[in-house]
Amino acid sequence: MMIQSRPPRIITLLLTQLGLEQPPLSAPSGLSCTLTVGNIDIELTESATQCLTLQCYAGALAEPSHATLSTLLAENQYQEDVPVISVGLVPEAPANVLIWSRMAGGEATADALGYWFACFNERAQALHGWLDAGAPALMMTGGEADGAALSLH
């Protein structure tokens, strides 16, 4: 297996859209590596999931239930040729942000994610500020096409 030399495209795009400089990877090992955003160390590993999830939460908040994700998805439907992307607050913690994307017959393209950020720029800016403030936990799982998983503990 080749050693990854940079984060998968989706992660690079998210960091860029959030106004965060893409930091260099540290200690790459196989298909797993670590990158740092500010004072946050992020472990990057391969994954074969079908969805893209970015969860930011403080403290020991339990993971959102499937029902929560389904509700968010139902509230934010887009045309079929664009990955279904849903954004909403986790009910158990109103200050938290949840972003969920499901592939709709294809990978999440840069244009599709750019479209999302154009629609939800205000939320993205709020998330950017929250990360700058030192978010204690961050997890992102990428689409199968990009094979990306991002997690922080």
N, C-alpha and C. Protein backbone atom coordinates (compact mmCIF):
# COMPACT_ATOMS: atom_id res chain seq x y z
N MET A 1 0.83 -1.20 0.00
CA MET A 1 0.00 0.00 0.00
C MET A 1 0.87 1.26 0.00
N MET A 2 0.39 2.27 -0.71
CA MET A 2 1.14 3.53 -0.75
C MET A 2 0.88 4.36 0.50
N ILE A 3 1.87 5.08 0.93
CA ILE A 3 1.70 5.97 2.07
C ILE A 3 1.05 7.25 1.57
N GLN A 4 -0.01 7.66 2.26
CA GLN A 4 -0.71 8.88 1.88
C GLN A 4 0.19 10.09 2.08
N SER A 5 0.25 10.96 1.09
CA SER A 5 1.09 12.15 1.22
C SER A 5 0.29 13.41 1.53
N ARG A 6 -1.02 13.32 1.43
CA ARG A 6 -1.86 14.47 1.74
C ARG A 6 -3.25 13.98 2.13
N PRO A 7 -4.05 14.82 2.80
CA PRO A 7 -5.40 14.40 3.18
C PRO A 7 -6.25 14.16 1.94
N PRO A 8 -7.24 13.28 2.01
CA PRO A 8 -8.14 13.09 0.88
C PRO A 8 -8.77 14.43 0.50
N ARG A 9 -9.23 14.53 -0.75
CA ARG A 9 -9.73 15.79 -1.30
C ARG A 9 -10.85 16.42 -0.46
N ILE A 10 -11.78 15.62 0.02
CA ILE A 10 -12.89 16.17 0.79
C ILE A 10 -12.39 16.89 2.03
N ILE A 11 -11.45 16.29 2.73
CA ILE A 11 -10.92 16.91 3.94
C ILE A 11 -10.20 18.20 3.60
N THR A 12 -9.40 18.17 2.54
CA THR A 12 -8.69 19.37 2.11
C THR A 12 -9.68 20.48 1.80
N LEU A 13 -10.77 20.13 1.10
CA LEU A 13 -11.77 21.11 0.72
C LEU A 13 -12.46 21.69 1.95
N LEU A 14 -12.82 20.83 2.89
CA LEU A 14 -13.49 21.31 4.10
C LEU A 14 -12.61 22.28 4.87
N LEU A 15 -11.34 21.94 5.02
CA LEU A 15 -10.44 22.83 5.75
C LEU A 15 -10.33 24.17 5.03
N THR A 16 -10.28 24.12 3.70
CA THR A 16 -10.17 25.35 2.92
C THR A 16 -11.43 26.19 3.03
N GLN A 17 -12.58 25.55 2.89
CA GLN A 17 -13.84 26.28 2.94
C GLN A 17 -14.10 26.88 4.32
N LEU A 18 -13.58 26.25 5.35
CA LEU A 18 -13.76 26.76 6.71
C LEU A 18 -12.73 27.84 7.03
N GLY A 19 -11.88 28.14 6.07
CA GLY A 19 -10.89 29.18 6.29
C GLY A 19 -9.70 28.73 7.09
N LEU A 20 -9.51 27.41 7.18
CA LEU A 20 -8.38 26.89 7.94
C LEU A 20 -7.25 26.53 6.99
N GLU A 21 -6.04 26.89 7.33
CA GLU A 21 -4.92 26.52 6.49
C GLU A 21 -4.71 25.01 6.58
N GLN A 22 -4.44 24.40 5.45
CA GLN A 22 -4.19 22.96 5.46
C GLN A 22 -2.80 22.70 6.02
N PRO A 23 -2.72 22.09 7.19
CA PRO A 23 -1.42 21.84 7.80
C PRO A 23 -0.74 20.62 7.17
N PRO A 24 0.56 20.51 7.29
CA PRO A 24 1.25 19.33 6.78
C PRO A 24 0.91 18.12 7.64
N LEU A 25 0.95 16.96 7.03
CA LEU A 25 0.69 15.74 7.79
C LEU A 25 1.92 15.40 8.62
N SER A 26 1.67 14.77 9.74
CA SER A 26 2.80 14.35 10.58
C SER A 26 2.73 12.85 10.79
N ALA A 27 3.88 12.22 10.84
CA ALA A 27 4.01 10.79 11.09
C ALA A 27 3.06 9.93 10.27
N PRO A 28 3.11 10.00 8.93
CA PRO A 28 2.26 9.13 8.13
C PRO A 28 2.67 7.67 8.31
N SER A 29 1.71 6.79 8.39
CA SER A 29 2.00 5.38 8.58
C SER A 29 0.99 4.57 7.79
N GLY A 30 1.42 3.98 6.70
CA GLY A 30 0.49 3.24 5.87
C GLY A 30 -0.57 4.18 5.32
N LEU A 31 -1.84 3.89 5.56
CA LEU A 31 -2.92 4.76 5.13
C LEU A 31 -3.49 5.51 6.32
N SER A 32 -2.70 5.70 7.34
CA SER A 32 -3.14 6.44 8.52
C SER A 32 -2.11 7.52 8.82
N CYS A 33 -2.57 8.69 9.20
CA CYS A 33 -1.64 9.78 9.51
C CYS A 33 -2.33 10.77 10.45
N THR A 34 -1.61 11.76 10.86
CA THR A 34 -2.16 12.75 11.78
C THR A 34 -1.89 14.15 11.23
N LEU A 35 -2.87 15.03 11.34
CA LEU A 35 -2.65 16.42 10.97
C LEU A 35 -3.11 17.29 12.13
N THR A 36 -2.62 18.51 12.19
CA THR A 36 -2.94 19.40 13.29
C THR A 36 -3.58 20.68 12.78
N VAL A 37 -4.69 21.07 13.38
CA VAL A 37 -5.36 22.33 13.08
C VAL A 37 -5.34 23.13 14.37
N GLY A 38 -4.51 24.16 14.40
CA GLY A 38 -4.37 24.91 15.64
C GLY A 38 -3.81 24.01 16.71
N ASN A 39 -4.54 23.91 17.82
CA ASN A 39 -4.08 23.04 18.91
C ASN A 39 -4.80 21.69 18.88
N ILE A 40 -5.42 21.37 17.75
CA ILE A 40 -6.18 20.13 17.63
C ILE A 40 -5.44 19.12 16.77
N ASP A 41 -5.13 17.96 17.31
CA ASP A 41 -4.50 16.89 16.54
C ASP A 41 -5.61 16.01 15.96
N ILE A 42 -5.55 15.75 14.67
CA ILE A 42 -6.58 14.96 14.00
C ILE A 42 -5.97 13.72 13.38
N GLU A 43 -6.52 12.58 13.72
CA GLU A 43 -6.04 11.31 13.15
C GLU A 43 -6.82 11.01 11.88
N LEU A 44 -6.12 10.71 10.82
CA LEU A 44 -6.73 10.46 9.53
C LEU A 44 -6.48 9.01 9.12
N THR A 45 -7.56 8.26 8.87
CA THR A 45 -7.42 6.86 8.48
C THR A 45 -8.35 6.53 7.32
N GLU A 46 -8.10 5.42 6.69
CA GLU A 46 -8.95 4.99 5.58
C GLU A 46 -10.28 4.44 6.09
N SER A 47 -11.30 4.62 5.29
CA SER A 47 -12.62 4.12 5.65
C SER A 47 -13.38 3.79 4.37
N ALA A 48 -14.35 2.91 4.47
CA ALA A 48 -15.15 2.55 3.29
C ALA A 48 -16.62 2.80 3.58
N THR A 49 -16.92 3.94 4.18
CA THR A 49 -18.30 4.27 4.52
C THR A 49 -19.00 4.91 3.33
N GLN A 50 -20.30 5.04 3.42
CA GLN A 50 -21.08 5.60 2.32
C GLN A 50 -21.51 7.04 2.58
N CYS A 51 -21.08 7.61 3.67
CA CYS A 51 -21.55 8.96 3.98
C CYS A 51 -20.44 9.83 4.53
N LEU A 52 -20.68 11.10 4.51
CA LEU A 52 -19.73 12.07 5.04
C LEU A 52 -20.36 12.72 6.26
N THR A 53 -19.72 12.61 7.39
CA THR A 53 -20.29 13.15 8.62
C THR A 53 -19.25 14.00 9.33
N LEU A 54 -19.65 15.17 9.71
CA LEU A 54 -18.78 16.02 10.51
C LEU A 54 -19.54 16.36 11.78
N GLN A 55 -19.05 15.90 12.89
CA GLN A 55 -19.71 16.14 14.16
C GLN A 55 -18.78 16.94 15.05
N CYS A 56 -19.28 18.01 15.59
CA CYS A 56 -18.50 18.79 16.53
C CYS A 56 -19.30 18.88 17.82
N TYR A 57 -18.72 18.53 18.90
CA TYR A 57 -19.45 18.56 20.16
C TYR A 57 -18.51 18.74 21.33
N ALA A 58 -19.02 19.33 22.39
CA ALA A 58 -18.22 19.56 23.58
C ALA A 58 -18.60 18.56 24.66
N GLY A 59 -17.65 18.20 25.48
CA GLY A 59 -17.93 17.29 26.58
C GLY A 59 -18.26 15.88 26.13
N ALA A 60 -19.00 15.17 26.95
CA ALA A 60 -19.30 13.75 26.69
C ALA A 60 -20.68 13.58 26.08
N LEU A 61 -20.95 14.31 25.02
CA LEU A 61 -22.25 14.21 24.36
C LEU A 61 -22.35 12.89 23.60
N ALA A 62 -23.46 12.20 23.76
CA ALA A 62 -23.65 10.94 23.05
C ALA A 62 -23.81 11.21 21.56
N GLU A 63 -23.46 10.24 20.74
CA GLU A 63 -23.60 10.41 19.29
C GLU A 63 -25.08 10.59 18.93
N PRO A 64 -25.37 11.46 17.96
CA PRO A 64 -26.76 11.67 17.54
C PRO A 64 -27.36 10.35 17.07
N SER A 65 -28.63 10.17 17.32
CA SER A 65 -29.29 8.93 16.92
C SER A 65 -29.58 8.94 15.43
N HIS A 66 -29.91 7.77 14.90
CA HIS A 66 -30.25 7.66 13.48
C HIS A 66 -31.47 8.51 13.18
N ALA A 67 -32.40 8.59 14.12
CA ALA A 67 -33.61 9.39 13.93
C ALA A 67 -33.25 10.87 13.75
N THR A 68 -32.25 11.33 14.49
CA THR A 68 -31.82 12.72 14.37
C THR A 68 -31.28 12.98 12.97
N LEU A 69 -30.45 12.06 12.48
CA LEU A 69 -29.90 12.20 11.14
C LEU A 69 -31.00 12.17 10.08
N SER A 70 -31.96 11.29 10.26
CA SER A 70 -33.05 11.17 9.30
C SER A 70 -33.88 12.45 9.25
N THR A 71 -34.12 13.05 10.41
CA THR A 71 -34.88 14.29 10.49
C THR A 71 -34.14 15.40 9.76
N LEU A 72 -32.85 15.50 10.00
CA LEU A 72 -32.05 16.53 9.35
C LEU A 72 -32.06 16.34 7.84
N LEU A 73 -31.96 15.09 7.41
CA LEU A 73 -31.95 14.78 5.99
C LEU A 73 -33.27 15.19 5.34
N ALA A 74 -34.37 14.87 6.00
CA ALA A 74 -35.69 15.18 5.46
C ALA A 74 -35.91 16.69 5.32
N GLU A 75 -35.28 17.46 6.19
CA GLU A 75 -35.46 18.92 6.18
C GLU A 75 -34.63 19.60 5.10
N ASN A 76 -33.67 18.90 4.52
CA ASN A 76 -32.77 19.53 3.56
C ASN A 76 -32.55 18.67 2.32
N GLN A 77 -33.56 18.56 1.49
CA GLN A 77 -33.45 17.76 0.28
C GLN A 77 -33.01 18.63 -0.89
N TYR A 78 -32.09 18.11 -1.70
CA TYR A 78 -31.64 18.84 -2.88
C TYR A 78 -31.88 17.98 -4.11
N GLN A 79 -31.64 18.54 -5.30
CA GLN A 79 -31.84 17.79 -6.53
C GLN A 79 -31.00 16.53 -6.52
N GLU A 80 -31.48 15.53 -7.25
CA GLU A 80 -30.89 14.19 -7.18
C GLU A 80 -29.43 14.11 -7.60
N ASP A 81 -28.99 15.00 -8.50
CA ASP A 81 -27.62 14.88 -8.97
C ASP A 81 -26.61 15.56 -8.05
N VAL A 82 -27.10 16.09 -6.93
CA VAL A 82 -26.21 16.68 -5.93
C VAL A 82 -26.31 15.83 -4.67
N PRO A 83 -25.19 15.46 -4.07
CA PRO A 83 -25.25 14.67 -2.84
C PRO A 83 -26.18 15.33 -1.83
N VAL A 84 -26.98 14.52 -1.16
CA VAL A 84 -27.92 15.03 -0.17
C VAL A 84 -27.13 15.48 1.05
N ILE A 85 -27.21 16.75 1.36
CA ILE A 85 -26.45 17.29 2.48
C ILE A 85 -27.40 17.93 3.47
N SER A 86 -27.27 17.61 4.71
CA SER A 86 -28.17 18.11 5.74
C SER A 86 -27.40 18.76 6.87
N VAL A 87 -27.90 19.87 7.35
CA VAL A 87 -27.25 20.57 8.44
C VAL A 87 -28.28 20.89 9.50
N GLY A 88 -27.93 20.73 10.75
CA GLY A 88 -28.85 21.07 11.82
C GLY A 88 -28.17 21.00 13.16
N LEU A 89 -28.86 21.47 14.18
CA LEU A 89 -28.32 21.42 15.53
C LEU A 89 -28.72 20.12 16.19
N VAL A 90 -27.82 19.55 16.97
CA VAL A 90 -28.13 18.33 17.72
C VAL A 90 -29.06 18.75 18.85
N PRO A 91 -30.29 18.21 18.90
CA PRO A 91 -31.28 18.62 19.90
C PRO A 91 -30.77 18.60 21.34
N GLU A 92 -29.97 17.58 21.67
CA GLU A 92 -29.51 17.45 23.05
C GLU A 92 -28.53 18.55 23.45
N ALA A 93 -27.98 19.25 22.49
CA ALA A 93 -27.00 20.31 22.78
C ALA A 93 -27.10 21.38 21.70
N PRO A 94 -27.97 22.37 21.89
CA PRO A 94 -28.25 23.39 20.89
C PRO A 94 -27.04 24.13 20.34
N ALA A 95 -25.95 24.17 21.10
CA ALA A 95 -24.78 24.92 20.64
C ALA A 95 -23.92 24.12 19.66
N ASN A 96 -24.26 22.86 19.49
CA ASN A 96 -23.45 22.00 18.64
C ASN A 96 -23.90 22.03 17.18
N VAL A 97 -23.01 21.60 16.31
CA VAL A 97 -23.29 21.60 14.88
C VAL A 97 -23.10 20.20 14.31
N LEU A 98 -24.01 19.79 13.46
CA LEU A 98 -23.89 18.48 12.80
C LEU A 98 -24.01 18.69 11.30
N ILE A 99 -23.12 18.14 10.54
CA ILE A 99 -23.19 18.19 9.09
C ILE A 99 -23.21 16.75 8.59
N TRP A 100 -24.16 16.42 7.73
CA TRP A 100 -24.25 15.04 7.24
C TRP A 100 -24.48 15.04 5.74
N SER A 101 -23.74 14.26 5.03
CA SER A 101 -23.90 14.16 3.59
C SER A 101 -24.03 12.70 3.19
N ARG A 102 -24.99 12.40 2.33
CA ARG A 102 -25.15 11.04 1.82
C ARG A 102 -24.92 11.07 0.31
N MET A 103 -24.11 10.15 -0.18
CA MET A 103 -23.84 10.11 -1.60
C MET A 103 -25.12 9.76 -2.36
N ALA A 104 -25.37 10.46 -3.45
CA ALA A 104 -26.57 10.21 -4.24
C ALA A 104 -26.15 9.71 -5.62
N GLY A 105 -25.69 8.48 -5.67
CA GLY A 105 -25.30 7.89 -6.94
C GLY A 105 -23.96 8.37 -7.45
N GLY A 106 -23.13 8.90 -6.57
CA GLY A 106 -21.82 9.36 -7.01
C GLY A 106 -21.07 9.98 -5.85
N GLU A 107 -19.81 10.32 -6.08
CA GLU A 107 -19.01 10.89 -5.01
C GLU A 107 -19.40 12.35 -4.77
N ALA A 108 -19.06 12.84 -3.61
CA ALA A 108 -19.32 14.24 -3.28
C ALA A 108 -18.26 15.07 -3.99
N THR A 109 -18.68 15.80 -5.00
CA THR A 109 -17.71 16.58 -5.78
C THR A 109 -17.43 17.91 -5.12
N ALA A 110 -16.35 18.54 -5.55
CA ALA A 110 -16.00 19.84 -5.01
C ALA A 110 -17.12 20.84 -5.28
N ASP A 111 -17.75 20.76 -6.46
CA ASP A 111 -18.83 21.67 -6.79
C ASP A 111 -20.01 21.49 -5.85
N ALA A 112 -20.33 20.23 -5.53
CA ALA A 112 -21.46 19.96 -4.64
C ALA A 112 -21.19 20.49 -3.24
N LEU A 113 -19.98 20.25 -2.74
CA LEU A 113 -19.65 20.75 -1.41
C LEU A 113 -19.56 22.26 -1.41
N GLY A 114 -19.09 22.83 -2.53
CA GLY A 114 -19.04 24.28 -2.64
C GLY A 114 -20.44 24.87 -2.60
N TYR A 115 -21.37 24.17 -3.24
CA TYR A 115 -22.78 24.58 -3.23
C TYR A 115 -23.33 24.57 -1.81
N TRP A 116 -22.97 23.53 -1.06
CA TRP A 116 -23.41 23.45 0.33
C TRP A 116 -22.90 24.63 1.13
N PHE A 117 -21.60 24.94 1.00
CA PHE A 117 -21.04 26.03 1.77
C PHE A 117 -21.63 27.37 1.36
N ALA A 118 -22.02 27.51 0.09
CA ALA A 118 -22.64 28.75 -0.35
C ALA A 118 -24.01 28.91 0.32
N CYS A 119 -24.72 27.80 0.47
CA CYS A 119 -26.04 27.83 1.09
C CYS A 119 -25.97 28.01 2.61
N PHE A 120 -24.95 27.46 3.21
CA PHE A 120 -24.87 27.46 4.66
C PHE A 120 -23.60 28.15 5.18
N ASN A 121 -23.20 29.23 4.48
CA ASN A 121 -21.97 29.92 4.86
C ASN A 121 -22.01 30.41 6.30
N GLU A 122 -23.18 30.87 6.73
CA GLU A 122 -23.29 31.37 8.10
C GLU A 122 -22.99 30.27 9.11
N ARG A 123 -23.51 29.07 8.87
CA ARG A 123 -23.23 27.94 9.75
C ARG A 123 -21.75 27.57 9.70
N ALA A 124 -21.18 27.60 8.49
CA ALA A 124 -19.78 27.25 8.34
C ALA A 124 -18.89 28.24 9.10
N GLN A 125 -19.24 29.51 9.05
CA GLN A 125 -18.47 30.52 9.76
C GLN A 125 -18.58 30.29 11.27
N ALA A 126 -19.77 29.90 11.72
CA ALA A 126 -19.95 29.63 13.15
C ALA A 126 -19.10 28.43 13.57
N LEU A 127 -19.04 27.42 12.70
CA LEU A 127 -18.24 26.23 12.99
C LEU A 127 -16.76 26.59 13.01
N HIS A 128 -16.35 27.43 12.07
CA HIS A 128 -14.96 27.87 12.02
C HIS A 128 -14.57 28.55 13.33
N GLY A 129 -15.44 29.45 13.81
CA GLY A 129 -15.16 30.14 15.07
C GLY A 129 -15.11 29.18 16.24
N TRP A 130 -15.97 28.15 16.19
CA TRP A 130 -16.01 27.20 17.30
C TRP A 130 -14.73 26.38 17.33
N LEU A 131 -14.23 26.02 16.15
CA LEU A 131 -12.97 25.28 16.09
C LEU A 131 -11.82 26.14 16.59
N ASP A 132 -11.84 27.42 16.21
CA ASP A 132 -10.79 28.33 16.67
C ASP A 132 -10.78 28.44 18.18
N ALA A 133 -11.96 28.30 18.78
CA ALA A 133 -12.08 28.42 20.23
C ALA A 133 -11.55 27.18 20.95
N GLY A 134 -11.20 26.14 20.19
CA GLY A 134 -10.61 24.95 20.79
C GLY A 134 -11.60 23.83 21.02
N ALA A 135 -12.35 23.46 19.98
CA ALA A 135 -13.30 22.36 20.10
C ALA A 135 -12.61 21.11 20.61
N PRO A 136 -13.15 20.47 21.64
CA PRO A 136 -12.50 19.30 22.22
C PRO A 136 -12.69 18.01 21.44
N ALA A 137 -13.61 17.98 20.49
CA ALA A 137 -13.84 16.74 19.77
C ALA A 137 -14.31 17.00 18.36
N LEU A 138 -13.77 16.27 17.42
CA LEU A 138 -14.15 16.43 16.02
C LEU A 138 -14.07 15.08 15.33
N MET A 139 -15.11 14.73 14.56
CA MET A 139 -15.09 13.46 13.85
C MET A 139 -15.67 13.66 12.46
N MET A 140 -15.01 13.17 11.45
CA MET A 140 -15.53 13.23 10.10
C MET A 140 -15.26 11.92 9.40
N THR A 141 -16.27 11.39 8.74
CA THR A 141 -16.11 10.16 7.97
C THR A 141 -16.46 10.47 6.53
N GLY A 142 -15.58 10.14 5.60
CA GLY A 142 -15.78 10.53 4.21
C GLY A 142 -16.40 9.47 3.34
N GLY A 143 -16.77 9.87 2.13
CA GLY A 143 -17.39 8.99 1.17
C GLY A 143 -16.44 7.90 0.71
N GLU A 144 -17.00 6.81 0.25
CA GLU A 144 -16.19 5.66 -0.17
C GLU A 144 -15.23 6.03 -1.30
N ALA A 145 -15.66 6.93 -2.18
CA ALA A 145 -14.80 7.31 -3.31
C ALA A 145 -13.51 7.96 -2.84
N ASP A 146 -13.58 8.68 -1.75
CA ASP A 146 -12.39 9.33 -1.23
C ASP A 146 -11.73 8.53 -0.12
N GLY A 147 -12.44 7.54 0.43
CA GLY A 147 -11.88 6.70 1.48
C GLY A 147 -11.33 7.48 2.64
N ALA A 148 -12.10 8.43 3.13
CA ALA A 148 -11.57 9.31 4.17
C ALA A 148 -12.29 9.15 5.49
N ALA A 149 -11.53 9.16 6.55
CA ALA A 149 -12.12 9.17 7.89
C ALA A 149 -11.28 10.11 8.73
N LEU A 150 -11.93 11.00 9.44
CA LEU A 150 -11.22 11.99 10.24
C LEU A 150 -11.79 11.94 11.65
N SER A 151 -10.94 11.76 12.64
CA SER A 151 -11.45 11.68 14.01
C SER A 151 -10.49 12.33 14.98
N LEU A 152 -11.02 12.84 16.05
CA LEU A 152 -10.22 13.48 17.09
C LEU A 152 -10.80 13.12 18.44
N HIS A 153 -9.94 12.82 19.39
CA HIS A 153 -10.40 12.51 20.74
C HIS A 153 -9.58 13.32 21.73
